[in-house]
């Protein structure tokens, strides 16, 4: 039987729920890959989810579809924003998992924003 980590990493999208200072939940569907015992996702450095993770690393994750409709139970986790080297690793993992669409999206983002315009996020299930 597959573990929660295997199930979440195998999906095309991951619903990452972060929390505002008020405690209000904000859910965002993102691409996901596995990096050892962590899930990794990628985001614009100035995105709200990145700001919220820096303020409060507690998150919930669930498998979902493109529109963010959950297809499984939410799991509690802890997220951290990665440095430049870790972010580059996330870009490589996403390009590998998502093929041509991953290459186009990641490369296009690097061209538009530069490498410092996006950041990787590592998520460890608790």
PDB file of N, CA and C in Angstrom:
ATOM      1  N   UNK A   1       0.841  -1.187   0.000  1.00  0.00           N
ATOM      2  CA  UNK A   1       0.000   0.000   0.000  1.00  0.00           C
ATOM      3  C   UNK A   1       0.882   1.244   0.000  1.00  0.00           C
ATOM      4  N   UNK A   2       0.527   2.206  -0.808  1.00  0.00           N
ATOM      5  CA  UNK A   2       1.322   3.427  -0.937  1.00  0.00           C
ATOM      6  C   UNK A   2       1.159   4.308   0.303  1.00  0.00           C
ATOM      7  N   UNK A   3       2.238   4.968   0.660  1.00  0.00           N
ATOM      8  CA  UNK A   3       2.196   5.888   1.801  1.00  0.00           C
ATOM      9  C   UNK A   3       1.529   7.193   1.390  1.00  0.00           C
ATOM     10  N   UNK A   4       1.201   8.000   2.388  1.00  0.00           N
ATOM     11  CA  UNK A   4       0.638   9.329   2.106  1.00  0.00           C
ATOM     12  C   UNK A   4       1.592  10.131   1.223  1.00  0.00           C
ATOM     13  N   UNK A   5       2.885  10.065   1.525  1.00  0.00           N
ATOM     14  CA  UNK A   5       3.883  10.789   0.740  1.00  0.00           C
ATOM     15  C   UNK A   5       3.848  10.331  -0.712  1.00  0.00           C
ATOM     16  N   UNK A   6       3.828   9.026  -0.939  1.00  0.00           N
ATOM     17  CA  UNK A   6       3.781   8.489  -2.297  1.00  0.00           C
ATOM     18  C   UNK A   6       2.529   8.971  -3.028  1.00  0.00           C
ATOM     19  N   UNK A   7       1.396   8.898  -2.348  1.00  0.00           N
ATOM     20  CA  UNK A   7       0.117   9.297  -2.952  1.00  0.00           C
ATOM     21  C   UNK A   7       0.122  10.765  -3.344  1.00  0.00           C
ATOM     22  N   UNK A   8       0.582  11.615  -2.449  1.00  0.00           N
ATOM     23  CA  UNK A   8       0.595  13.054  -2.728  1.00  0.00           C
ATOM     24  C   UNK A   8       1.600  13.413  -3.821  1.00  0.00           C
ATOM     25  N   UNK A   9       2.762  12.781  -3.792  1.00  0.00           N
ATOM     26  CA  UNK A   9       3.804  13.075  -4.785  1.00  0.00           C
ATOM     27  C   UNK A   9       3.427  12.578  -6.172  1.00  0.00           C
ATOM     28  N   UNK A  10       2.623  11.516  -6.247  1.00  0.00           N
ATOM     29  CA  UNK A  10       2.250  10.943  -7.538  1.00  0.00           C
ATOM     30  C   UNK A  10       1.222  11.790  -8.280  1.00  0.00           C
ATOM     31  N   UNK A  11       0.487  12.609  -7.550  1.00  0.00           N
ATOM     32  CA  UNK A  11      -0.553  13.416  -8.188  1.00  0.00           C
ATOM     33  C   UNK A  11       0.018  14.526  -9.052  1.00  0.00           C
ATOM     34  N   UNK A  12      -0.824  15.029  -9.936  1.00  0.00           N
ATOM     35  CA  UNK A  12      -0.395  16.129 -10.805  1.00  0.00           C
ATOM     36  C   UNK A  12      -0.421  17.460 -10.052  1.00  0.00           C
ATOM     37  N   UNK A  13      -1.381  17.611  -9.156  1.00  0.00           N
ATOM     38  CA  UNK A  13      -1.519  18.864  -8.402  1.00  0.00           C
ATOM     39  C   UNK A  13      -1.615  18.583  -6.909  1.00  0.00           C
ATOM     40  N   UNK A  14      -1.141  19.548  -6.137  1.00  0.00           N
ATOM     41  CA  UNK A  14      -1.202  19.481  -4.684  1.00  0.00           C
ATOM     42  C   UNK A  14      -1.884  20.748  -4.192  1.00  0.00           C
ATOM     43  N   UNK A  15      -2.875  20.604  -3.334  1.00  0.00           N
ATOM     44  CA  UNK A  15      -3.534  21.748  -2.733  1.00  0.00           C
ATOM     45  C   UNK A  15      -2.770  22.102  -1.463  1.00  0.00           C
ATOM     46  N   UNK A  16      -2.115  23.245  -1.474  1.00  0.00           N
ATOM     47  CA  UNK A  16      -1.344  23.698  -0.317  1.00  0.00           C
ATOM     48  C   UNK A  16      -2.161  24.778   0.387  1.00  0.00           C
ATOM     49  N   UNK A  17      -2.501  24.513   1.636  1.00  0.00           N
ATOM     50  CA  UNK A  17      -3.264  25.480   2.422  1.00  0.00           C
ATOM     51  C   UNK A  17      -2.332  26.132   3.420  1.00  0.00           C
ATOM     52  N   UNK A  18      -2.211  27.458   3.292  1.00  0.00           N
ATOM     53  CA  UNK A  18      -1.403  28.257   4.215  1.00  0.00           C
ATOM     54  C   UNK A  18      -2.363  29.074   5.072  1.00  0.00           C
ATOM     55  N   UNK A  19      -1.824  29.699   6.109  1.00  0.00           N
ATOM     56  CA  UNK A  19      -2.692  30.396   7.049  1.00  0.00           C
ATOM     57  C   UNK A  19      -2.245  31.840   7.254  1.00  0.00           C
ATOM     58  N   UNK A  20      -3.214  32.742   7.142  1.00  0.00           N
ATOM     59  CA  UNK A  20      -2.952  34.170   7.397  1.00  0.00           C
ATOM     60  C   UNK A  20      -2.740  34.377   8.894  1.00  0.00           C
ATOM     61  N   UNK A  21      -2.245  35.574   9.246  1.00  0.00           N
ATOM     62  CA  UNK A  21      -2.035  35.899  10.660  1.00  0.00           C
ATOM     63  C   UNK A  21      -3.332  35.790  11.445  1.00  0.00           C
ATOM     64  N   UNK A  22      -4.461  36.070  10.775  1.00  0.00           N
ATOM     65  CA  UNK A  22      -5.770  35.979  11.427  1.00  0.00           C
ATOM     66  C   UNK A  22      -6.199  34.531  11.652  1.00  0.00           C
ATOM     67  N   UNK A  23      -5.482  33.585  11.032  1.00  0.00           N
ATOM     68  CA  UNK A  23      -5.847  32.177  11.120  1.00  0.00           C
ATOM     69  C   UNK A  23      -6.662  31.693   9.930  1.00  0.00           C
ATOM     70  N   UNK A  24      -7.064  32.615   9.064  1.00  0.00           N
ATOM     71  CA  UNK A  24      -7.852  32.242   7.885  1.00  0.00           C
ATOM     72  C   UNK A  24      -7.010  31.389   6.937  1.00  0.00           C
ATOM     73  N   UNK A  25      -7.609  30.320   6.447  1.00  0.00           N
ATOM     74  CA  UNK A  25      -6.924  29.403   5.535  1.00  0.00           C
ATOM     75  C   UNK A  25      -7.006  29.913   4.102  1.00  0.00           C
ATOM     76  N   UNK A  26      -5.901  29.757   3.351  1.00  0.00           N
ATOM     77  CA  UNK A  26      -5.848  30.119   1.941  1.00  0.00           C
ATOM     78  C   UNK A  26      -5.260  28.921   1.192  1.00  0.00           C
ATOM     79  N   UNK A  27      -6.075  28.315   0.328  1.00  0.00           N
ATOM     80  CA  UNK A  27      -5.650  27.115  -0.391  1.00  0.00           C
ATOM     81  C   UNK A  27      -5.278  27.462  -1.831  1.00  0.00           C
ATOM     82  N   UNK A  28      -4.184  26.869  -2.319  1.00  0.00           N
ATOM     83  CA  UNK A  28      -3.687  27.114  -3.664  1.00  0.00           C
ATOM     84  C   UNK A  28      -3.248  25.793  -4.300  1.00  0.00           C
ATOM     85  N   UNK A  29      -3.759  25.476  -5.507  1.00  0.00           N
ATOM     86  CA  UNK A  29      -3.275  24.284  -6.199  1.00  0.00           C
ATOM     87  C   UNK A  29      -1.939  24.587  -6.890  1.00  0.00           C
ATOM     88  N   UNK A  30      -0.978  23.678  -6.749  1.00  0.00           N
ATOM     89  CA  UNK A  30       0.351  23.863  -7.350  1.00  0.00           C
ATOM     90  C   UNK A  30       0.856  22.530  -7.885  1.00  0.00           C
ATOM     91  N   UNK A  31       1.827  22.587  -8.795  1.00  0.00           N
ATOM     92  CA  UNK A  31       2.525  21.383  -9.229  1.00  0.00           C
ATOM     93  C   UNK A  31       3.358  20.874  -8.075  1.00  0.00           C
ATOM     94  N   UNK A  32       3.616  19.572  -8.055  1.00  0.00           N
ATOM     95  CA  UNK A  32       4.347  18.970  -6.947  1.00  0.00           C
ATOM     96  C   UNK A  32       5.295  17.898  -7.462  1.00  0.00           C
ATOM     97  N   UNK A  33       6.410  17.773  -6.795  1.00  0.00           N
ATOM     98  CA  UNK A  33       7.359  16.693  -7.055  1.00  0.00           C
ATOM     99  C   UNK A  33       7.857  16.185  -5.709  1.00  0.00           C
ATOM    100  N   UNK A  34       8.485  15.040  -5.740  1.00  0.00           N
ATOM    101  CA  UNK A  34       9.056  14.484  -4.510  1.00  0.00           C
ATOM    102  C   UNK A  34      10.557  14.658  -4.536  1.00  0.00           C
ATOM    103  N   UNK A  35      11.104  15.049  -3.389  1.00  0.00           N
ATOM    104  CA  UNK A  35      12.548  15.163  -3.220  1.00  0.00           C
ATOM    105  C   UNK A  35      12.901  14.444  -1.923  1.00  0.00           C
ATOM    106  N   UNK A  36      13.202  13.169  -2.035  1.00  0.00           N
ATOM    107  CA  UNK A  36      13.503  12.373  -0.841  1.00  0.00           C
ATOM    108  C   UNK A  36      12.292  12.232   0.048  1.00  0.00           C
ATOM    109  N   UNK A  37      12.393  12.703   1.286  1.00  0.00           N
ATOM    110  CA  UNK A  37      11.271  12.592   2.217  1.00  0.00           C
ATOM    111  C   UNK A  37      10.460  13.884   2.312  1.00  0.00           C
ATOM    112  N   UNK A  38      10.570  14.722   1.291  1.00  0.00           N
ATOM    113  CA  UNK A  38       9.807  15.968   1.239  1.00  0.00           C
ATOM    114  C   UNK A  38       9.091  16.093  -0.100  1.00  0.00           C
ATOM    115  N   UNK A  39       7.998  16.830  -0.071  1.00  0.00           N
ATOM    116  CA  UNK A  39       7.338  17.264  -1.292  1.00  0.00           C
ATOM    117  C   UNK A  39       7.897  18.634  -1.617  1.00  0.00           C
ATOM    118  N   UNK A  40       8.033  18.961  -2.886  1.00  0.00           N
ATOM    119  CA  UNK A  40       8.513  20.291  -3.254  1.00  0.00           C
ATOM    120  C   UNK A  40       7.561  20.906  -4.261  1.00  0.00           C
ATOM    121  N   UNK A  41       7.368  22.216  -4.111  1.00  0.00           N
ATOM    122  CA  UNK A  41       6.550  23.010  -5.021  1.00  0.00           C
ATOM    123  C   UNK A  41       7.318  24.270  -5.365  1.00  0.00           C
ATOM    124  N   UNK A  42       6.763  25.060  -6.243  1.00  0.00           N
ATOM    125  CA  UNK A  42       7.471  26.205  -6.797  1.00  0.00           C
ATOM    126  C   UNK A  42       6.498  27.372  -6.873  1.00  0.00           C
ATOM    127  N   UNK A  43       6.964  28.578  -6.624  1.00  0.00           N
ATOM    128  CA  UNK A  43       6.079  29.737  -6.597  1.00  0.00           C
ATOM    129  C   UNK A  43       6.851  31.017  -6.897  1.00  0.00           C
ATOM    130  N   UNK A  44       6.116  32.044  -7.294  1.00  0.00           N
ATOM    131  CA  UNK A  44       6.709  33.376  -7.409  1.00  0.00           C
ATOM    132  C   UNK A  44       7.141  33.809  -6.014  1.00  0.00           C
ATOM    133  N   UNK A  45       8.290  34.436  -5.935  1.00  0.00           N
ATOM    134  CA  UNK A  45       8.857  34.807  -4.638  1.00  0.00           C
ATOM    135  C   UNK A  45       7.960  35.791  -3.873  1.00  0.00           C
ATOM    136  N   UNK A  46       7.183  36.606  -4.602  1.00  0.00           N
ATOM    137  CA  UNK A  46       6.325  37.596  -3.943  1.00  0.00           C
ATOM    138  C   UNK A  46       4.880  37.120  -3.783  1.00  0.00           C
ATOM    139  N   UNK A  47       4.622  35.837  -3.987  1.00  0.00           N
ATOM    140  CA  UNK A  47       3.272  35.288  -3.840  1.00  0.00           C
ATOM    141  C   UNK A  47       2.850  35.277  -2.377  1.00  0.00           C
ATOM    142  N   UNK A  48       1.570  35.397  -2.157  1.00  0.00           N
ATOM    143  CA  UNK A  48       1.036  35.391  -0.798  1.00  0.00           C
ATOM    144  C   UNK A  48       1.406  34.145  -0.020  1.00  0.00           C
ATOM    145  N   UNK A  49       1.388  32.979  -0.690  1.00  0.00           N
ATOM    146  CA  UNK A  49       1.704  31.743   0.040  1.00  0.00           C
ATOM    147  C   UNK A  49       3.123  31.746   0.574  1.00  0.00           C
ATOM    148  N   UNK A  50       4.044  32.353  -0.156  1.00  0.00           N
ATOM    149  CA  UNK A  50       5.438  32.432   0.308  1.00  0.00           C
ATOM    150  C   UNK A  50       5.518  33.324   1.544  1.00  0.00           C
ATOM    151  N   UNK A  51       4.837  34.445   1.510  1.00  0.00           N
ATOM    152  CA  UNK A  51       4.818  35.347   2.669  1.00  0.00           C
ATOM    153  C   UNK A  51       4.193  34.664   3.878  1.00  0.00           C
ATOM    154  N   UNK A  52       3.089  33.936   3.636  1.00  0.00           N
ATOM    155  CA  UNK A  52       2.426  33.258   4.752  1.00  0.00           C
ATOM    156  C   UNK A  52       3.289  32.148   5.328  1.00  0.00           C
ATOM    157  N   UNK A  53       3.991  31.400   4.479  1.00  0.00           N
ATOM    158  CA  UNK A  53       4.872  30.326   4.974  1.00  0.00           C
ATOM    159  C   UNK A  53       6.008  30.907   5.797  1.00  0.00           C
ATOM    160  N   UNK A  54       6.555  32.031   5.368  1.00  0.00           N
ATOM    161  CA  UNK A  54       7.624  32.662   6.159  1.00  0.00           C
ATOM    162  C   UNK A  54       7.111  33.081   7.529  1.00  0.00           C
ATOM    163  N   UNK A  55       5.855  33.487   7.604  1.00  0.00           N
ATOM    164  CA  UNK A  55       5.259  33.918   8.862  1.00  0.00           C
ATOM    165  C   UNK A  55       4.818  32.730   9.726  1.00  0.00           C
ATOM    166  N   UNK A  56       4.291  31.683   9.063  1.00  0.00           N
ATOM    167  CA  UNK A  56       3.766  30.517   9.775  1.00  0.00           C
ATOM    168  C   UNK A  56       3.996  29.284   8.906  1.00  0.00           C
ATOM    169  N   UNK A  57       4.968  28.442   9.246  1.00  0.00           N
ATOM    170  CA  UNK A  57       5.295  27.296   8.393  1.00  0.00           C
ATOM    171  C   UNK A  57       4.295  26.143   8.438  1.00  0.00           C
ATOM    172  N   UNK A  58       3.308  26.197   9.321  1.00  0.00           N
ATOM    173  CA  UNK A  58       2.299  25.134   9.380  1.00  0.00           C
ATOM    174  C   UNK A  58       1.398  25.226   8.151  1.00  0.00           C
ATOM    175  N   UNK A  59       1.266  24.112   7.432  1.00  0.00           N
ATOM    176  CA  UNK A  59       0.417  24.046   6.247  1.00  0.00           C
ATOM    177  C   UNK A  59      -0.378  22.751   6.280  1.00  0.00           C
ATOM    178  N   UNK A  60      -1.346  22.656   5.395  1.00  0.00           N
ATOM    179  CA  UNK A  60      -2.039  21.407   5.140  1.00  0.00           C
ATOM    180  C   UNK A  60      -1.935  21.143   3.653  1.00  0.00           C
ATOM    181  N   UNK A  61      -1.813  19.883   3.272  1.00  0.00           N
ATOM    182  CA  UNK A  61      -1.700  19.520   1.862  1.00  0.00           C
ATOM    183  C   UNK A  61      -2.689  18.400   1.543  1.00  0.00           C
ATOM    184  N   UNK A  62      -3.165  18.405   0.306  1.00  0.00           N
ATOM    185  CA  UNK A  62      -4.082  17.366  -0.158  1.00  0.00           C
ATOM    186  C   UNK A  62      -3.935  17.235  -1.665  1.00  0.00           C
ATOM    187  N   UNK A  63      -4.182  16.058  -2.177  1.00  0.00           N
ATOM    188  CA  UNK A  63      -4.226  15.879  -3.623  1.00  0.00           C
ATOM    189  C   UNK A  63      -5.429  16.664  -4.139  1.00  0.00           C
ATOM    190  N   UNK A  64      -5.309  17.212  -5.348  1.00  0.00           N
ATOM    191  CA  UNK A  64      -6.408  17.995  -5.905  1.00  0.00           C
ATOM    192  C   UNK A  64      -6.335  17.991  -7.422  1.00  0.00           C
ATOM    193  N   UNK A  65      -7.344  18.622  -8.043  1.00  0.00           N
ATOM    194  CA  UNK A  65      -7.325  18.789  -9.491  1.00  0.00           C
ATOM    195  C   UNK A  65      -6.833  20.195  -9.825  1.00  0.00           C
ATOM    196  N   UNK A  66      -6.818  20.523 -11.093  1.00  0.00           N
ATOM    197  CA  UNK A  66      -6.332  21.819 -11.563  1.00  0.00           C
ATOM    198  C   UNK A  66      -7.028  22.997 -10.896  1.00  0.00           C
ATOM    199  N   UNK A  67      -8.282  22.852 -10.601  1.00  0.00           N
ATOM    200  CA  UNK A  67      -9.059  23.946 -10.000  1.00  0.00           C
ATOM    201  C   UNK A  67      -8.986  23.988  -8.478  1.00  0.00           C
ATOM    202  N   UNK A  68      -8.230  23.063  -7.885  1.00  0.00           N
ATOM    203  CA  UNK A  68      -8.079  23.062  -6.441  1.00  0.00           C
ATOM    204  C   UNK A  68      -9.134  22.275  -5.699  1.00  0.00           C
ATOM    205  N   UNK A  69      -9.912  21.455  -6.408  1.00  0.00           N
ATOM    206  CA  UNK A  69     -10.906  20.614  -5.745  1.00  0.00           C
ATOM    207  C   UNK A  69     -10.187  19.404  -5.148  1.00  0.00           C
ATOM    208  N   UNK A  70     -10.224  19.248  -3.827  1.00  0.00           N
ATOM    209  CA  UNK A  70      -9.501  18.143  -3.188  1.00  0.00           C
ATOM    210  C   UNK A  70     -10.014  16.785  -3.660  1.00  0.00           C
ATOM    211  N   UNK A  71      -9.080  15.846  -3.808  1.00  0.00           N
ATOM    212  CA  UNK A  71      -9.447  14.482  -4.184  1.00  0.00           C
ATOM    213  C   UNK A  71      -8.983  13.495  -3.111  1.00  0.00           C
ATOM    214  N   UNK A  72      -8.708  14.009  -1.941  1.00  0.00           N
ATOM    215  CA  UNK A  72      -8.284  13.180  -0.828  1.00  0.00           C
ATOM    216  C   UNK A  72      -8.269  14.003   0.442  1.00  0.00           C
ATOM    217  N   UNK A  73      -7.992  13.340   1.534  1.00  0.00           N
ATOM    218  CA  UNK A  73      -7.960  14.006   2.832  1.00  0.00           C
ATOM    219  C   UNK A  73      -6.749  14.928   2.956  1.00  0.00           C
ATOM    220  N   UNK A  74      -6.916  16.004   3.702  1.00  0.00           N
ATOM    221  CA  UNK A  74      -5.814  16.931   3.969  1.00  0.00           C
ATOM    222  C   UNK A  74      -4.886  16.328   5.018  1.00  0.00           C
ATOM    223  N   UNK A  75      -3.599  16.632   4.872  1.00  0.00           N
ATOM    224  CA  UNK A  75      -2.573  16.134   5.781  1.00  0.00           C
ATOM    225  C   UNK A  75      -1.816  17.330   6.340  1.00  0.00           C
ATOM    226  N   UNK A  76      -1.576  17.336   7.637  1.00  0.00           N
ATOM    227  CA  UNK A  76      -0.803  18.426   8.250  1.00  0.00           C
ATOM    228  C   UNK A  76       0.664  18.293   7.875  1.00  0.00           C
ATOM    229  N   UNK A  77       1.311  19.446   7.667  1.00  0.00           N
ATOM    230  CA  UNK A  77       2.706  19.453   7.245  1.00  0.00           C
ATOM    231  C   UNK A  77       3.368  20.751   7.682  1.00  0.00           C
ATOM    232  N   UNK A  78       4.681  20.812   7.472  1.00  0.00           N
ATOM    233  CA  UNK A  78       5.465  22.006   7.760  1.00  0.00           C
ATOM    234  C   UNK A  78       6.222  22.368   6.484  1.00  0.00           C
ATOM    235  N   UNK A  79       6.171  23.636   6.109  1.00  0.00           N
ATOM    236  CA  UNK A  79       6.816  24.086   4.873  1.00  0.00           C
ATOM    237  C   UNK A  79       7.969  25.019   5.192  1.00  0.00           C
ATOM    238  N   UNK A  80       8.926  25.063   4.261  1.00  0.00           N
ATOM    239  CA  UNK A  80      10.022  26.017   4.389  1.00  0.00           C
ATOM    240  C   UNK A  80      10.406  26.513   3.003  1.00  0.00           C
ATOM    241  N   UNK A  81      10.762  27.776   2.943  1.00  0.00           N
ATOM    242  CA  UNK A  81      11.198  28.396   1.694  1.00  0.00           C
ATOM    243  C   UNK A  81      12.661  28.038   1.486  1.00  0.00           C
ATOM    244  N   UNK A  82      12.993  27.595   0.289  1.00  0.00           N
ATOM    245  CA  UNK A  82      14.350  27.134  -0.006  1.00  0.00           C
ATOM    246  C   UNK A  82      15.256  28.263  -0.481  1.00  0.00           C
ATOM    247  N   UNK A  83      16.548  28.032  -0.358  1.00  0.00           N
ATOM    248  CA  UNK A  83      17.541  28.980  -0.858  1.00  0.00           C
ATOM    249  C   UNK A  83      17.678  28.814  -2.377  1.00  0.00           C
ATOM    250  N   UNK A  84      18.599  29.551  -2.988  1.00  0.00           N
ATOM    251  CA  UNK A  84      18.771  29.530  -4.444  1.00  0.00           C
ATOM    252  C   UNK A  84      19.114  28.134  -4.961  1.00  0.00           C
ATOM    253  N   UNK A  85      19.988  27.431  -4.276  1.00  0.00           N
ATOM    254  CA  UNK A  85      20.381  26.086  -4.702  1.00  0.00           C
ATOM    255  C   UNK A  85      19.205  25.110  -4.614  1.00  0.00           C
ATOM    256  N   UNK A  86      18.467  25.179  -3.519  1.00  0.00           N
ATOM    257  CA  UNK A  86      17.292  24.322  -3.362  1.00  0.00           C
ATOM    258  C   UNK A  86      16.209  24.646  -4.372  1.00  0.00           C
ATOM    259  N   UNK A  87      16.037  25.930  -4.667  1.00  0.00           N
ATOM    260  CA  UNK A  87      15.038  26.345  -5.654  1.00  0.00           C
ATOM    261  C   UNK A  87      15.391  25.827  -7.039  1.00  0.00           C
ATOM    262  N   UNK A  88      16.674  25.844  -7.382  1.00  0.00           N
ATOM    263  CA  UNK A  88      17.102  25.308  -8.680  1.00  0.00           C
ATOM    264  C   UNK A  88      16.824  23.807  -8.746  1.00  0.00           C
ATOM    265  N   UNK A  89      17.021  23.108  -7.657  1.00  0.00           N
ATOM    266  CA  UNK A  89      16.723  21.666  -7.615  1.00  0.00           C
ATOM    267  C   UNK A  89      15.233  21.433  -7.862  1.00  0.00           C
ATOM    268  N   UNK A  90      14.375  22.249  -7.257  1.00  0.00           N
ATOM    269  CA  UNK A  90      12.929  22.123  -7.459  1.00  0.00           C
ATOM    270  C   UNK A  90      12.592  22.348  -8.936  1.00  0.00           C
ATOM    271  N   UNK A  91      13.202  23.349  -9.561  1.00  0.00           N
ATOM    272  CA  UNK A  91      12.962  23.591 -10.988  1.00  0.00           C
ATOM    273  C   UNK A  91      13.311  22.356 -11.814  1.00  0.00           C
ATOM    274  N   UNK A  92      14.450  21.732 -11.520  1.00  0.00           N
ATOM    275  CA  UNK A  92      14.862  20.528 -12.258  1.00  0.00           C
ATOM    276  C   UNK A  92      13.869  19.385 -12.041  1.00  0.00           C
ATOM    277  N   UNK A  93      13.427  19.183 -10.804  1.00  0.00           N
ATOM    278  CA  UNK A  93      12.479  18.112 -10.510  1.00  0.00           C
ATOM    279  C   UNK A  93      11.145  18.326 -11.228  1.00  0.00           C
ATOM    280  N   UNK A  94      10.677  19.562 -11.254  1.00  0.00           N
ATOM    281  CA  UNK A  94       9.409  19.849 -11.930  1.00  0.00           C
ATOM    282  C   UNK A  94       9.533  19.700 -13.442  1.00  0.00           C
ATOM    283  N   UNK A  95      10.645  20.143 -14.003  1.00  0.00           N
ATOM    284  CA  UNK A  95      10.863  19.939 -15.442  1.00  0.00           C
ATOM    285  C   UNK A  95      10.835  18.450 -15.777  1.00  0.00           C
ATOM    286  N   UNK A  96      11.489  17.641 -14.936  1.00  0.00           N
ATOM    287  CA  UNK A  96      11.544  16.201 -15.177  1.00  0.00           C
ATOM    288  C   UNK A  96      10.160  15.556 -15.047  1.00  0.00           C
ATOM    289  N   UNK A  97       9.404  15.907 -14.031  1.00  0.00           N
ATOM    290  CA  UNK A  97       8.098  15.279 -13.811  1.00  0.00           C
ATOM    291  C   UNK A  97       7.075  15.700 -14.856  1.00  0.00           C
ATOM    292  N   UNK A  98       7.064  16.971 -15.218  1.00  0.00           N
ATOM    293  CA  UNK A  98       5.999  17.496 -16.080  1.00  0.00           C
ATOM    294  C   UNK A  98       6.379  17.589 -17.554  1.00  0.00           C
ATOM    295  N   UNK A  99       7.561  17.103 -17.905  1.00  0.00           N
ATOM    296  CA  UNK A  99       7.946  17.004 -19.312  1.00  0.00           C
ATOM    297  C   UNK A  99       7.977  18.345 -20.028  1.00  0.00           C
ATOM    298  N   UNK A 100       7.440  18.364 -21.234  1.00  0.00           N
ATOM    299  CA  UNK A 100       7.474  19.568 -22.069  1.00  0.00           C
ATOM    300  C   UNK A 100       6.767  20.737 -21.380  1.00  0.00           C
ATOM    301  N   UNK A 101       5.601  20.482 -20.775  1.00  0.00           N
ATOM    302  CA  UNK A 101       4.873  21.573 -20.100  1.00  0.00           C
ATOM    303  C   UNK A 101       5.671  22.107 -18.913  1.00  0.00           C
ATOM    304  N   UNK A 102       6.338  21.242 -18.202  1.00  0.00           N
ATOM    305  CA  UNK A 102       7.180  21.691 -17.092  1.00  0.00           C
ATOM    306  C   UNK A 102       8.336  22.526 -17.590  1.00  0.00           C
ATOM    307  N   UNK A 103       8.980  22.063 -18.656  1.00  0.00           N
ATOM    308  CA  UNK A 103      10.114  22.809 -19.215  1.00  0.00           C
ATOM    309  C   UNK A 103       9.666  24.183 -19.686  1.00  0.00           C
ATOM    310  N   UNK A 104       8.552  24.246 -20.408  1.00  0.00           N
ATOM    311  CA  UNK A 104       8.041  25.523 -20.928  1.00  0.00           C
ATOM    312  C   UNK A 104       7.688  26.469 -19.774  1.00  0.00           C
ATOM    313  N   UNK A 105       6.974  25.971 -18.773  1.00  0.00           N
ATOM    314  CA  UNK A 105       6.552  26.825 -17.653  1.00  0.00           C
ATOM    315  C   UNK A 105       7.727  27.335 -16.834  1.00  0.00           C
ATOM    316  N   UNK A 106       8.623  26.430 -16.457  1.00  0.00           N
ATOM    317  CA  UNK A 106       9.750  26.820 -15.613  1.00  0.00           C
ATOM    318  C   UNK A 106      10.703  27.738 -16.388  1.00  0.00           C
ATOM    319  N   UNK A 107      11.038  27.372 -17.605  1.00  0.00           N
ATOM    320  CA  UNK A 107      11.950  28.195 -18.406  1.00  0.00           C
ATOM    321  C   UNK A 107      11.333  29.556 -18.710  1.00  0.00           C
ATOM    322  N   UNK A 108      10.045  29.571 -19.040  1.00  0.00           N
ATOM    323  CA  UNK A 108       9.363  30.853 -19.295  1.00  0.00           C
ATOM    324  C   UNK A 108       9.375  31.751 -18.075  1.00  0.00           C
ATOM    325  N   UNK A 109       9.178  31.168 -16.922  1.00  0.00           N
ATOM    326  CA  UNK A 109       9.201  31.948 -15.686  1.00  0.00           C
ATOM    327  C   UNK A 109      10.590  32.511 -15.417  1.00  0.00           C
ATOM    328  N   UNK A 110      11.621  31.706 -15.657  1.00  0.00           N
ATOM    329  CA  UNK A 110      12.995  32.186 -15.448  1.00  0.00           C
ATOM    330  C   UNK A 110      13.292  33.338 -16.407  1.00  0.00           C
ATOM    331  N   UNK A 111      12.816  33.241 -17.640  1.00  0.00           N
ATOM    332  CA  UNK A 111      13.025  34.319 -18.614  1.00  0.00           C
ATOM    333  C   UNK A 111      12.291  35.584 -18.170  1.00  0.00           C
ATOM    334  N   UNK A 112      11.039  35.450 -17.721  1.00  0.00           N
ATOM    335  CA  UNK A 112      10.234  36.613 -17.306  1.00  0.00           C
ATOM    336  C   UNK A 112      10.724  37.229 -16.002  1.00  0.00           C
ATOM    337  N   UNK A 113      10.978  36.385 -14.998  1.00  0.00           N
ATOM    338  CA  UNK A 113      11.260  36.886 -13.651  1.00  0.00           C
ATOM    339  C   UNK A 113      12.719  36.789 -13.243  1.00  0.00           C
ATOM    340  N   UNK A 114      13.496  36.002 -13.964  1.00  0.00           N
ATOM    341  CA  UNK A 114      14.852  35.713 -13.526  1.00  0.00           C
ATOM    342  C   UNK A 114      14.804  34.619 -12.474  1.00  0.00           C
ATOM    343  N   UNK A 115      15.952  34.057 -12.142  1.00  0.00           N
ATOM    344  CA  UNK A 115      15.982  32.959 -11.168  1.00  0.00           C
ATOM    345  C   UNK A 115      15.603  33.416  -9.768  1.00  0.00           C
ATOM    346  N   UNK A 116      15.785  34.679  -9.468  1.00  0.00           N
ATOM    347  CA  UNK A 116      15.422  35.165  -8.136  1.00  0.00           C
ATOM    348  C   UNK A 116      13.945  35.518  -8.031  1.00  0.00           C
ATOM    349  N   UNK A 117      13.209  35.415  -9.137  1.00  0.00           N
ATOM    350  CA  UNK A 117      11.788  35.745  -9.128  1.00  0.00           C
ATOM    351  C   UNK A 117      10.898  34.602  -8.680  1.00  0.00           C
ATOM    352  N   UNK A 118      11.467  33.394  -8.618  1.00  0.00           N
ATOM    353  CA  UNK A 118      10.708  32.247  -8.134  1.00  0.00           C
ATOM    354  C   UNK A 118      11.508  31.543  -7.047  1.00  0.00           C
ATOM    355  N   UNK A 119      10.793  30.770  -6.261  1.00  0.00           N
ATOM    356  CA  UNK A 119      11.426  30.106  -5.131  1.00  0.00           C
ATOM    357  C   UNK A 119      10.811  28.722  -4.947  1.00  0.00           C
ATOM    358  N   UNK A 120      11.630  27.788  -4.511  1.00  0.00           N
ATOM    359  CA  UNK A 120      11.143  26.462  -4.186  1.00  0.00           C
ATOM    360  C   UNK A 120      10.678  26.424  -2.745  1.00  0.00           C
ATOM    361  N   UNK A 121       9.717  25.550  -2.491  1.00  0.00           N
ATOM    362  CA  UNK A 121       9.187  25.352  -1.147  1.00  0.00           C
ATOM    363  C   UNK A 121       9.233  23.860  -0.853  1.00  0.00           C
ATOM    364  N   UNK A 122       9.822  23.486   0.252  1.00  0.00           N
ATOM    365  CA  UNK A 122       9.873  22.083   0.676  1.00  0.00           C
ATOM    366  C   UNK A 122       8.817  21.872   1.747  1.00  0.00           C
ATOM    367  N   UNK A 123       8.117  20.741   1.640  1.00  0.00           N
ATOM    368  CA  UNK A 123       7.024  20.436   2.577  1.00  0.00           C
ATOM    369  C   UNK A 123       7.274  19.056   3.177  1.00  0.00           C
ATOM    370  N   UNK A 124       7.296  19.014   4.501  1.00  0.00           N
ATOM    371  CA  UNK A 124       7.507  17.751   5.217  1.00  0.00           C
ATOM    372  C   UNK A 124       6.215  17.412   5.966  1.00  0.00           C
ATOM    373  N   UNK A 125       5.697  16.217   5.712  1.00  0.00           N
ATOM    374  CA  UNK A 125       4.470  15.788   6.394  1.00  0.00           C
ATOM    375  C   UNK A 125       4.768  15.563   7.882  1.00  0.00           C
ATOM    376  N   UNK A 126       3.788  15.897   8.729  1.00  0.00           N
ATOM    377  CA  UNK A 126       3.971  15.719  10.176  1.00  0.00           C
ATOM    378  C   UNK A 126       3.110  14.589  10.699  1.00  0.00           C
TER     379      UNK A 126
END
